[in-house]
Amino acid sequence: MDIKLKKSYFPMTETAFYILLSLATPRHGYAIIDHVKQLTKKRISLGPGTIYGTLSKMKKDGLIEPVKEENNRKIYQITRLGEKILEAEKARIKELYMNSKGGI
């Protein structure tokens, strides 16, 4: 993985994390917004500007790809690179959690 991607995605923002997580199943922007709201029990509510800006960056970085267009909506899915980055972030979060269980 190149240094630019590491700097951009480690540690990952919650927005990026939930978008990649949502794209395990192909979805369009508004479906991602709804899915993230549902996953987080409405704690995170992504706005259109945030979602489309992040999708554009992730597409450029090769983390996601458009798979089709329906009713003027682009459907995206996570790529292999996106899966690798998401798994690395999950491992980082797991390490944080496990370390926190040890206490101070």
PDB file of N, CA and C in Angstrom:
ATOM      1  N   MET A   1       0.850  -1.171   0.000  1.00  0.00           N
ATOM      2  CA  MET A   1       0.000   0.000   0.000  1.00  0.00           C
ATOM      3  C   MET A   1       0.895   1.233   0.000  1.00  0.00           C
ATOM      4  N   ASP A   2       0.553   2.202  -0.817  1.00  0.00           N
ATOM      5  CA  ASP A   2       1.453   3.353  -0.904  1.00  0.00           C
ATOM      6  C   ASP A   2       1.256   4.329   0.255  1.00  0.00           C
ATOM      7  N   ILE A   3       2.270   5.151   0.453  1.00  0.00           N
ATOM      8  CA  ILE A   3       2.317   6.076   1.597  1.00  0.00           C
ATOM      9  C   ILE A   3       1.178   7.087   1.548  1.00  0.00           C
ATOM     10  N   LYS A   4       0.816   7.546   0.349  1.00  0.00           N
ATOM     11  CA  LYS A   4      -0.271   8.527   0.212  1.00  0.00           C
ATOM     12  C   LYS A   4      -1.583   7.956   0.752  1.00  0.00           C
ATOM     13  N   LEU A   5      -1.862   6.705   0.406  1.00  0.00           N
ATOM     14  CA  LEU A   5      -3.094   6.078   0.908  1.00  0.00           C
ATOM     15  C   LEU A   5      -3.040   5.910   2.422  1.00  0.00           C
ATOM     16  N   LYS A   6      -1.894   5.514   2.947  1.00  0.00           N
ATOM     17  CA  LYS A   6      -1.771   5.361   4.404  1.00  0.00           C
ATOM     18  C   LYS A   6      -2.036   6.687   5.105  1.00  0.00           C
ATOM     19  N   LYS A   7      -1.484   7.762   4.567  1.00  0.00           N
ATOM     20  CA  LYS A   7      -1.693   9.071   5.188  1.00  0.00           C
ATOM     21  C   LYS A   7      -3.145   9.515   5.091  1.00  0.00           C
ATOM     22  N   SER A   8      -3.806   9.139   4.006  1.00  0.00           N
ATOM     23  CA  SER A   8      -5.200   9.550   3.801  1.00  0.00           C
ATOM     24  C   SER A   8      -6.196   8.741   4.623  1.00  0.00           C
ATOM     25  N   TYR A   9      -5.883   7.465   4.870  1.00  0.00           N
ATOM     26  CA  TYR A   9      -6.899   6.589   5.455  1.00  0.00           C
ATOM     27  C   TYR A   9      -6.533   5.958   6.791  1.00  0.00           C
ATOM     28  N   PHE A  10      -5.354   6.269   7.349  1.00  0.00           N
ATOM     29  CA  PHE A  10      -4.972   5.713   8.651  1.00  0.00           C
ATOM     30  C   PHE A  10      -4.586   6.814   9.601  1.00  0.00           C
ATOM     31  N   PRO A  11      -5.269   7.017  10.709  1.00  0.00           N
ATOM     32  CA  PRO A  11      -6.525   6.353  11.041  1.00  0.00           C
ATOM     33  C   PRO A  11      -7.643   6.866  10.138  1.00  0.00           C
ATOM     34  N   MET A  12      -8.646   6.052   9.962  1.00  0.00           N
ATOM     35  CA  MET A  12      -9.754   6.357   9.074  1.00  0.00           C
ATOM     36  C   MET A  12     -10.817   7.176   9.812  1.00  0.00           C
ATOM     37  N   THR A  13     -11.432   8.097   9.092  1.00  0.00           N
ATOM     38  CA  THR A  13     -12.550   8.839   9.679  1.00  0.00           C
ATOM     39  C   THR A  13     -13.755   7.904   9.778  1.00  0.00           C
ATOM     40  N   GLU A  14     -14.666   8.243  10.658  1.00  0.00           N
ATOM     41  CA  GLU A  14     -15.900   7.446  10.758  1.00  0.00           C
ATOM     42  C   GLU A  14     -16.657   7.463   9.440  1.00  0.00           C
ATOM     43  N   THR A  15     -16.676   8.610   8.782  1.00  0.00           N
ATOM     44  CA  THR A  15     -17.363   8.720   7.500  1.00  0.00           C
ATOM     45  C   THR A  15     -16.802   7.707   6.504  1.00  0.00           C
ATOM     46  N   ALA A  16     -15.486   7.696   6.336  1.00  0.00           N
ATOM     47  CA  ALA A  16     -14.849   6.770   5.391  1.00  0.00           C
ATOM     48  C   ALA A  16     -15.104   5.317   5.806  1.00  0.00           C
ATOM     49  N   PHE A  17     -14.984   5.038   7.092  1.00  0.00           N
ATOM     50  CA  PHE A  17     -15.199   3.683   7.595  1.00  0.00           C
ATOM     51  C   PHE A  17     -16.592   3.185   7.251  1.00  0.00           C
ATOM     52  N   TYR A  18     -17.600   3.977   7.567  1.00  0.00           N
ATOM     53  CA  TYR A  18     -18.973   3.533   7.332  1.00  0.00           C
ATOM     54  C   TYR A  18     -19.335   3.483   5.851  1.00  0.00           C
ATOM     55  N   ILE A  19     -18.743   4.346   5.049  1.00  0.00           N
ATOM     56  CA  ILE A  19     -18.994   4.266   3.604  1.00  0.00           C
ATOM     57  C   ILE A  19     -18.430   2.962   3.046  1.00  0.00           C
ATOM     58  N   LEU A  20     -17.182   2.649   3.381  1.00  0.00           N
ATOM     59  CA  LEU A  20     -16.589   1.400   2.900  1.00  0.00           C
ATOM     60  C   LEU A  20     -17.366   0.188   3.416  1.00  0.00           C
ATOM     61  N   LEU A  21     -17.743   0.231   4.668  1.00  0.00           N
ATOM     62  CA  LEU A  21     -18.516  -0.863   5.258  1.00  0.00           C
ATOM     63  C   LEU A  21     -19.843  -1.037   4.510  1.00  0.00           C
ATOM     64  N   SER A  22     -20.484   0.071   4.183  1.00  0.00           N
ATOM     65  CA  SER A  22     -21.762   0.033   3.472  1.00  0.00           C
ATOM     66  C   SER A  22     -21.628  -0.530   2.065  1.00  0.00           C
ATOM     67  N   LEU A  23     -20.463  -0.320   1.462  1.00  0.00           N
ATOM     68  CA  LEU A  23     -20.297  -0.729   0.070  1.00  0.00           C
ATOM     69  C   LEU A  23     -19.864  -2.176  -0.102  1.00  0.00           C
ATOM     70  N   ALA A  24     -19.941  -2.964   0.963  1.00  0.00           N
ATOM     71  CA  ALA A  24     -19.782  -4.419   0.820  1.00  0.00           C
ATOM     72  C   ALA A  24     -20.919  -4.923  -0.062  1.00  0.00           C
ATOM     73  N   THR A  25     -22.036  -4.204  -0.020  1.00  0.00           N
ATOM     74  CA  THR A  25     -23.173  -4.427  -0.916  1.00  0.00           C
ATOM     75  C   THR A  25     -23.261  -3.196  -1.810  1.00  0.00           C
ATOM     76  N   PRO A  26     -23.337  -3.360  -3.135  1.00  0.00           N
ATOM     77  CA  PRO A  26     -23.422  -2.179  -4.010  1.00  0.00           C
ATOM     78  C   PRO A  26     -24.596  -1.273  -3.636  1.00  0.00           C
ATOM     79  N   ARG A  27     -24.294   0.026  -3.552  1.00  0.00           N
ATOM     80  CA  ARG A  27     -25.313   1.012  -3.175  1.00  0.00           C
ATOM     81  C   ARG A  27     -25.032   2.347  -3.866  1.00  0.00           C
ATOM     82  N   HIS A  28     -26.072   3.156  -4.009  1.00  0.00           N
ATOM     83  CA  HIS A  28     -25.907   4.535  -4.475  1.00  0.00           C
ATOM     84  C   HIS A  28     -25.803   5.446  -3.249  1.00  0.00           C
ATOM     85  N   GLY A  29     -25.485   6.699  -3.485  1.00  0.00           N
ATOM     86  CA  GLY A  29     -25.224   7.640  -2.396  1.00  0.00           C
ATOM     87  C   GLY A  29     -26.296   7.717  -1.325  1.00  0.00           C
ATOM     88  N   TYR A  30     -27.549   7.897  -1.735  1.00  0.00           N
ATOM     89  CA  TYR A  30     -28.603   8.023  -0.725  1.00  0.00           C
ATOM     90  C   TYR A  30     -28.839   6.719   0.022  1.00  0.00           C
ATOM     91  N   ALA A  31     -28.629   5.585  -0.633  1.00  0.00           N
ATOM     92  CA  ALA A  31     -28.752   4.296   0.057  1.00  0.00           C
ATOM     93  C   ALA A  31     -27.634   4.148   1.098  1.00  0.00           C
ATOM     94  N   ILE A  32     -26.448   4.683   0.789  1.00  0.00           N
ATOM     95  CA  ILE A  32     -25.349   4.667   1.761  1.00  0.00           C
ATOM     96  C   ILE A  32     -25.730   5.514   2.970  1.00  0.00           C
ATOM     97  N   ILE A  33     -26.266   6.690   2.720  1.00  0.00           N
ATOM     98  CA  ILE A  33     -26.698   7.583   3.808  1.00  0.00           C
ATOM     99  C   ILE A  33     -27.686   6.859   4.716  1.00  0.00           C
ATOM    100  N   ASP A  34     -28.679   6.217   4.128  1.00  0.00           N
ATOM    101  CA  ASP A  34     -29.686   5.480   4.911  1.00  0.00           C
ATOM    102  C   ASP A  34     -29.065   4.317   5.675  1.00  0.00           C
ATOM    103  N   HIS A  35     -28.160   3.580   5.023  1.00  0.00           N
ATOM    104  CA  HIS A  35     -27.535   2.420   5.660  1.00  0.00           C
ATOM    105  C   HIS A  35     -26.686   2.851   6.862  1.00  0.00           C
ATOM    106  N   VAL A  36     -25.928   3.923   6.700  1.00  0.00           N
ATOM    107  CA  VAL A  36     -25.096   4.418   7.813  1.00  0.00           C
ATOM    108  C   VAL A  36     -25.975   4.879   8.962  1.00  0.00           C
ATOM    109  N   LYS A  37     -27.054   5.558   8.652  1.00  0.00           N
ATOM    110  CA  LYS A  37     -27.999   5.981   9.692  1.00  0.00           C
ATOM    111  C   LYS A  37     -28.533   4.784  10.464  1.00  0.00           C
ATOM    112  N   GLN A  38     -28.871   3.737   9.723  1.00  0.00           N
ATOM    113  CA  GLN A  38     -29.404   2.521  10.332  1.00  0.00           C
ATOM    114  C   GLN A  38     -28.337   1.810  11.173  1.00  0.00           C
ATOM    115  N   LEU A  39     -27.124   1.659  10.636  1.00  0.00           N
ATOM    116  CA  LEU A  39     -26.036   0.994  11.361  1.00  0.00           C
ATOM    117  C   LEU A  39     -25.704   1.689  12.680  1.00  0.00           C
ATOM    118  N   THR A  40     -25.753   3.018  12.656  1.00  0.00           N
ATOM    119  CA  THR A  40     -25.335   3.801  13.825  1.00  0.00           C
ATOM    120  C   THR A  40     -26.521   4.250  14.682  1.00  0.00           C
ATOM    121  N   LYS A  41     -27.689   3.702  14.405  1.00  0.00           N
ATOM    122  CA  LYS A  41     -28.910   4.077  15.135  1.00  0.00           C
ATOM    123  C   LYS A  41     -29.103   5.598  15.138  1.00  0.00           C
ATOM    124  N   LYS A  42     -28.885   6.193  13.958  1.00  0.00           N
ATOM    125  CA  LYS A  42     -29.053   7.631  13.685  1.00  0.00           C
ATOM    126  C   LYS A  42     -28.001   8.515  14.350  1.00  0.00           C
ATOM    127  N   ARG A  43     -26.958   7.925  14.940  1.00  0.00           N
ATOM    128  CA  ARG A  43     -25.896   8.723  15.550  1.00  0.00           C
ATOM    129  C   ARG A  43     -25.122   9.498  14.485  1.00  0.00           C
ATOM    130  N   ILE A  44     -24.946   8.869  13.320  1.00  0.00           N
ATOM    131  CA  ILE A  44     -24.248   9.525  12.223  1.00  0.00           C
ATOM    132  C   ILE A  44     -25.233   9.742  11.088  1.00  0.00           C
ATOM    133  N   SER A  45     -25.351  10.993  10.682  1.00  0.00           N
ATOM    134  CA  SER A  45     -26.224  11.346   9.569  1.00  0.00           C
ATOM    135  C   SER A  45     -25.367  12.089   8.539  1.00  0.00           C
ATOM    136  N   LEU A  46     -25.012  11.394   7.470  1.00  0.00           N
ATOM    137  CA  LEU A  46     -24.151  11.983   6.444  1.00  0.00           C
ATOM    138  C   LEU A  46     -24.964  12.874   5.522  1.00  0.00           C
ATOM    139  N   GLY A  47     -24.418  14.042   5.228  1.00  0.00           N
ATOM    140  CA  GLY A  47     -25.061  14.934   4.273  1.00  0.00           C
ATOM    141  C   GLY A  47     -24.598  14.623   2.861  1.00  0.00           C
ATOM    142  N   PRO A  48     -25.364  15.065   1.858  1.00  0.00           N
ATOM    143  CA  PRO A  48     -24.998  14.798   0.468  1.00  0.00           C
ATOM    144  C   PRO A  48     -23.606  15.323   0.099  1.00  0.00           C
ATOM    145  N   GLY A  49     -23.240  16.498   0.565  1.00  0.00           N
ATOM    146  CA  GLY A  49     -21.921  17.053   0.260  1.00  0.00           C
ATOM    147  C   GLY A  49     -20.803  16.184   0.794  1.00  0.00           C
ATOM    148  N   THR A  50     -20.978  15.699   2.006  1.00  0.00           N
ATOM    149  CA  THR A  50     -19.981  14.830   2.630  1.00  0.00           C
ATOM    150  C   THR A  50     -19.879  13.511   1.879  1.00  0.00           C
ATOM    151  N   ILE A  51     -21.013  12.898   1.604  1.00  0.00           N
ATOM    152  CA  ILE A  51     -21.003  11.579   0.975  1.00  0.00           C
ATOM    153  C   ILE A  51     -20.429  11.639  -0.433  1.00  0.00           C
ATOM    154  N   TYR A  52     -20.865  12.605  -1.226  1.00  0.00           N
ATOM    155  CA  TYR A  52     -20.405  12.636  -2.610  1.00  0.00           C
ATOM    156  C   TYR A  52     -18.957  13.086  -2.723  1.00  0.00           C
ATOM    157  N   GLY A  53     -18.499  13.957  -1.840  1.00  0.00           N
ATOM    158  CA  GLY A  53     -17.086  14.333  -1.815  1.00  0.00           C
ATOM    159  C   GLY A  53     -16.208  13.149  -1.452  1.00  0.00           C
ATOM    160  N   THR A  54     -16.639  12.381  -0.459  1.00  0.00           N
ATOM    161  CA  THR A  54     -15.882  11.204  -0.016  1.00  0.00           C
ATOM    162  C   THR A  54     -15.910  10.108  -1.083  1.00  0.00           C
ATOM    163  N   LEU A  55     -17.059   9.873  -1.706  1.00  0.00           N
ATOM    164  CA  LEU A  55     -17.148   8.880  -2.782  1.00  0.00           C
ATOM    165  C   LEU A  55     -16.199   9.243  -3.927  1.00  0.00           C
ATOM    166  N   SER A  56     -16.156  10.512  -4.282  1.00  0.00           N
ATOM    167  CA  SER A  56     -15.286  10.964  -5.360  1.00  0.00           C
ATOM    168  C   SER A  56     -13.818  10.694  -5.036  1.00  0.00           C
ATOM    169  N   LYS A  57     -13.408  11.017  -3.811  1.00  0.00           N
ATOM    170  CA  LYS A  57     -12.025  10.790  -3.389  1.00  0.00           C
ATOM    171  C   LYS A  57     -11.713   9.302  -3.361  1.00  0.00           C
ATOM    172  N   MET A  58     -12.615   8.505  -2.805  1.00  0.00           N
ATOM    173  CA  MET A  58     -12.396   7.058  -2.725  1.00  0.00           C
ATOM    174  C   MET A  58     -12.322   6.426  -4.115  1.00  0.00           C
ATOM    175  N   LYS A  59     -13.132   6.917  -5.031  1.00  0.00           N
ATOM    176  CA  LYS A  59     -13.089   6.403  -6.405  1.00  0.00           C
ATOM    177  C   LYS A  59     -11.733   6.731  -7.025  1.00  0.00           C
ATOM    178  N   LYS A  60     -11.295   7.959  -6.854  1.00  0.00           N
ATOM    179  CA  LYS A  60      -9.996   8.383  -7.388  1.00  0.00           C
ATOM    180  C   LYS A  60      -8.853   7.558  -6.792  1.00  0.00           C
ATOM    181  N   ASP A  61      -8.966   7.215  -5.516  1.00  0.00           N
ATOM    182  CA  ASP A  61      -7.931   6.445  -4.818  1.00  0.00           C
ATOM    183  C   ASP A  61      -8.024   4.941  -5.076  1.00  0.00           C
ATOM    184  N   GLY A  62      -9.080   4.505  -5.763  1.00  0.00           N
ATOM    185  CA  GLY A  62      -9.222   3.095  -6.116  1.00  0.00           C
ATOM    186  C   GLY A  62      -9.843   2.218  -5.039  1.00  0.00           C
ATOM    187  N   LEU A  63     -10.475   2.835  -4.031  1.00  0.00           N
ATOM    188  CA  LEU A  63     -11.090   2.070  -2.945  1.00  0.00           C
ATOM    189  C   LEU A  63     -12.487   1.578  -3.301  1.00  0.00           C
ATOM    190  N   ILE A  64     -13.143   2.311  -4.187  1.00  0.00           N
ATOM    191  CA  ILE A  64     -14.487   1.943  -4.636  1.00  0.00           C
ATOM    192  C   ILE A  64     -14.535   2.095  -6.150  1.00  0.00           C
ATOM    193  N   GLU A  65     -15.561   1.502  -6.751  1.00  0.00           N
ATOM    194  CA  GLU A  65     -15.752   1.643  -8.193  1.00  0.00           C
ATOM    195  C   GLU A  65     -17.241   1.666  -8.501  1.00  0.00           C
ATOM    196  N   PRO A  66     -17.613   2.432  -9.526  1.00  0.00           N
ATOM    197  CA  PRO A  66     -19.013   2.391  -9.943  1.00  0.00           C
ATOM    198  C   PRO A  66     -19.264   1.074 -10.679  1.00  0.00           C
ATOM    199  N   VAL A  67     -20.409   0.457 -10.422  1.00  0.00           N
ATOM    200  CA  VAL A  67     -20.723  -0.812 -11.089  1.00  0.00           C
ATOM    201  C   VAL A  67     -21.850  -0.684 -12.099  1.00  0.00           C
ATOM    202  N   LYS A  68     -22.743   0.283 -11.891  1.00  0.00           N
ATOM    203  CA  LYS A  68     -23.808   0.549 -12.862  1.00  0.00           C
ATOM    204  C   LYS A  68     -24.499   1.852 -12.500  1.00  0.00           C
ATOM    205  N   GLU A  69     -25.409   2.240 -13.367  1.00  0.00           N
ATOM    206  CA  GLU A  69     -26.202   3.439 -13.119  1.00  0.00           C
ATOM    207  C   GLU A  69     -27.665   3.085 -13.302  1.00  0.00           C
ATOM    208  N   GLU A  70     -28.476   3.452 -12.306  1.00  0.00           N
ATOM    209  CA  GLU A  70     -29.917   3.210 -12.352  1.00  0.00           C
ATOM    210  C   GLU A  70     -30.637   4.499 -12.008  1.00  0.00           C
ATOM    211  N   ASN A  71     -31.580   4.896 -12.844  1.00  0.00           N
ATOM    212  CA  ASN A  71     -32.379   6.102 -12.590  1.00  0.00           C
ATOM    213  C   ASN A  71     -31.499   7.312 -12.251  1.00  0.00           C
ATOM    214  N   ASN A  72     -30.447   7.510 -13.031  1.00  0.00           N
ATOM    215  CA  ASN A  72     -29.496   8.622 -12.832  1.00  0.00           C
ATOM    216  C   ASN A  72     -28.739   8.536 -11.505  1.00  0.00           C
ATOM    217  N   ARG A  73     -28.645   7.360 -10.926  1.00  0.00           N
ATOM    218  CA  ARG A  73     -27.892   7.169  -9.686  1.00  0.00           C
ATOM    219  C   ARG A  73     -26.761   6.184  -9.947  1.00  0.00           C
ATOM    220  N   LYS A  74     -25.539   6.592  -9.577  1.00  0.00           N
ATOM    221  CA  LYS A  74     -24.398   5.686  -9.722  1.00  0.00           C
ATOM    222  C   LYS A  74     -24.376   4.723  -8.541  1.00  0.00           C
ATOM    223  N   ILE A  75     -24.235   3.456  -8.859  1.00  0.00           N
ATOM    224  CA  ILE A  75     -24.142   2.407  -7.848  1.00  0.00           C
ATOM    225  C   ILE A  75     -22.652   2.075  -7.694  1.00  0.00           C
ATOM    226  N   TYR A  76     -22.157   2.124  -6.457  1.00  0.00           N
ATOM    227  CA  TYR A  76     -20.742   1.854  -6.170  1.00  0.00           C
ATOM    228  C   TYR A  76     -20.595   0.571  -5.368  1.00  0.00           C
ATOM    229  N   GLN A  77     -19.397  -0.007  -5.453  1.00  0.00           N
ATOM    230  CA  GLN A  77     -19.039  -1.126  -4.584  1.00  0.00           C
ATOM    231  C   GLN A  77     -17.577  -0.993  -4.193  1.00  0.00           C
ATOM    232  N   ILE A  78     -17.214  -1.645  -3.106  1.00  0.00           N
ATOM    233  CA  ILE A  78     -15.850  -1.617  -2.606  1.00  0.00           C
ATOM    234  C   ILE A  78     -14.952  -2.475  -3.517  1.00  0.00           C
ATOM    235  N   THR A  79     -13.712  -2.060  -3.705  1.00  0.00           N
ATOM    236  CA  THR A  79     -12.737  -2.826  -4.492  1.00  0.00           C
ATOM    237  C   THR A  79     -11.895  -3.684  -3.547  1.00  0.00           C
ATOM    238  N   ARG A  80     -11.022  -4.501  -4.118  1.00  0.00           N
ATOM    239  CA  ARG A  80     -10.098  -5.309  -3.295  1.00  0.00           C
ATOM    240  C   ARG A  80      -9.228  -4.412  -2.428  1.00  0.00           C
ATOM    241  N   LEU A  81      -8.728  -3.319  -3.025  1.00  0.00           N
ATOM    242  CA  LEU A  81      -7.907  -2.377  -2.260  1.00  0.00           C
ATOM    243  C   LEU A  81      -8.728  -1.783  -1.121  1.00  0.00           C
ATOM    244  N   GLY A  82      -9.968  -1.401  -1.401  1.00  0.00           N
ATOM    245  CA  GLY A  82     -10.850  -0.879  -0.366  1.00  0.00           C
ATOM    246  C   GLY A  82     -11.072  -1.890   0.750  1.00  0.00           C
ATOM    247  N   GLU A  83     -11.244  -3.157   0.379  1.00  0.00           N
ATOM    248  CA  GLU A  83     -11.419  -4.212   1.389  1.00  0.00           C
ATOM    249  C   GLU A  83     -10.176  -4.347   2.261  1.00  0.00           C
ATOM    250  N   LYS A  84      -8.997  -4.276   1.648  1.00  0.00           N
ATOM    251  CA  LYS A  84      -7.746  -4.381   2.416  1.00  0.00           C
ATOM    252  C   LYS A  84      -7.624  -3.233   3.411  1.00  0.00           C
ATOM    253  N   ILE A  85      -7.938  -2.038   2.951  1.00  0.00           N
ATOM    254  CA  ILE A  85      -7.847  -0.861   3.816  1.00  0.00           C
ATOM    255  C   ILE A  85      -8.881  -0.947   4.932  1.00  0.00           C
ATOM    256  N   LEU A  86     -10.092  -1.384   4.620  1.00  0.00           N
ATOM    257  CA  LEU A  86     -11.129  -1.538   5.640  1.00  0.00           C
ATOM    258  C   LEU A  86     -10.723  -2.584   6.673  1.00  0.00           C
ATOM    259  N   GLU A  87     -10.182  -3.700   6.229  1.00  0.00           N
ATOM    260  CA  GLU A  87      -9.752  -4.749   7.162  1.00  0.00           C
ATOM    261  C   GLU A  87      -8.614  -4.260   8.063  1.00  0.00           C
ATOM    262  N   ALA A  88      -7.698  -3.477   7.507  1.00  0.00           N
ATOM    263  CA  ALA A  88      -6.604  -2.919   8.313  1.00  0.00           C
ATOM    264  C   ALA A  88      -7.157  -1.969   9.375  1.00  0.00           C
ATOM    265  N   GLU A  89      -8.167  -1.196   9.014  1.00  0.00           N
ATOM    266  CA  GLU A  89      -8.778  -0.282   9.991  1.00  0.00           C
ATOM    267  C   GLU A  89      -9.537  -1.056  11.059  1.00  0.00           C
ATOM    268  N   LYS A  90     -10.227  -2.119  10.685  1.00  0.00           N
ATOM    269  CA  LYS A  90     -10.905  -2.957  11.678  1.00  0.00           C
ATOM    270  C   LYS A  90      -9.893  -3.544  12.661  1.00  0.00           C
ATOM    271  N   ALA A  91      -8.746  -3.979  12.159  1.00  0.00           N
ATOM    272  CA  ALA A  91      -7.702  -4.532  13.024  1.00  0.00           C
ATOM    273  C   ALA A  91      -7.167  -3.462  13.974  1.00  0.00           C
ATOM    274  N   ARG A  92      -7.012  -2.227  13.459  1.00  0.00           N
ATOM    275  CA  ARG A  92      -6.545  -1.121  14.300  1.00  0.00           C
ATOM    276  C   ARG A  92      -7.545  -0.839  15.418  1.00  0.00           C
ATOM    277  N   ILE A  93      -8.821  -0.826  15.067  1.00  0.00           N
ATOM    278  CA  ILE A  93      -9.869  -0.575  16.063  1.00  0.00           C
ATOM    279  C   ILE A  93      -9.913  -1.705  17.090  1.00  0.00           C
ATOM    280  N   LYS A  94      -9.772  -2.937  16.631  1.00  0.00           N
ATOM    281  CA  LYS A  94      -9.762  -4.082  17.540  1.00  0.00           C
ATOM    282  C   LYS A  94      -8.589  -3.977  18.520  1.00  0.00           C
ATOM    283  N   GLU A  95      -7.423  -3.581  18.018  1.00  0.00           N
ATOM    284  CA  GLU A  95      -6.256  -3.412  18.886  1.00  0.00           C
ATOM    285  C   GLU A  95      -6.520  -2.337  19.951  1.00  0.00           C
ATOM    286  N   LEU A  96      -7.113  -1.228  19.537  1.00  0.00           N
ATOM    287  CA  LEU A  96      -7.465  -0.171  20.499  1.00  0.00           C
ATOM    288  C   LEU A  96      -8.386  -0.723  21.583  1.00  0.00           C
ATOM    289  N   TYR A  97      -9.399  -1.453  21.147  1.00  0.00           N
ATOM    290  CA  TYR A  97     -10.357  -2.014  22.091  1.00  0.00           C
ATOM    291  C   TYR A  97      -9.678  -2.989  23.048  1.00  0.00           C
ATOM    292  N   MET A  98      -8.883  -3.902  22.505  1.00  0.00           N
ATOM    293  CA  MET A  98      -8.211  -4.905  23.340  1.00  0.00           C
ATOM    294  C   MET A  98      -7.248  -4.232  24.335  1.00  0.00           C
ATOM    295  N   ASN A  99      -6.553  -3.211  23.891  1.00  0.00           N
ATOM    296  CA  ASN A  99      -5.659  -2.486  24.788  1.00  0.00           C
ATOM    297  C   ASN A  99      -6.431  -1.765  25.895  1.00  0.00           C
ATOM    298  N   SER A 100      -7.622  -1.287  25.569  1.00  0.00           N
ATOM    299  CA  SER A 100      -8.412  -0.574  26.570  1.00  0.00           C
ATOM    300  C   SER A 100      -8.934  -1.514  27.652  1.00  0.00           C
ATOM    301  N   LYS A 101      -9.116  -2.782  27.305  1.00  0.00           N
ATOM    302  CA  LYS A 101      -9.604  -3.751  28.285  1.00  0.00           C
ATOM    303  C   LYS A 101      -8.561  -4.053  29.353  1.00  0.00           C
ATOM    304  N   GLY A 102      -7.292  -3.796  29.037  1.00  0.00           N
ATOM    305  CA  GLY A 102      -6.219  -4.036  29.994  1.00  0.00           C
ATOM    306  C   GLY A 102      -6.213  -3.020  31.123  1.00  0.00           C
ATOM    307  N   GLY A 103      -6.855  -1.912  30.905  1.00  0.00           N
ATOM    308  CA  GLY A 103      -6.917  -0.874  31.926  1.00  0.00           C
ATOM    309  C   GLY A 103      -5.618  -0.109  32.068  1.00  0.00           C
ATOM    310  N   ILE A 104      -5.641   0.789  33.008  1.00  0.00           N
ATOM    311  CA  ILE A 104      -4.454   1.626  33.258  1.00  0.00           C
ATOM    312  C   ILE A 104      -3.784   1.179  34.531  1.00  0.00           C
TER     313      ILE A 104
END
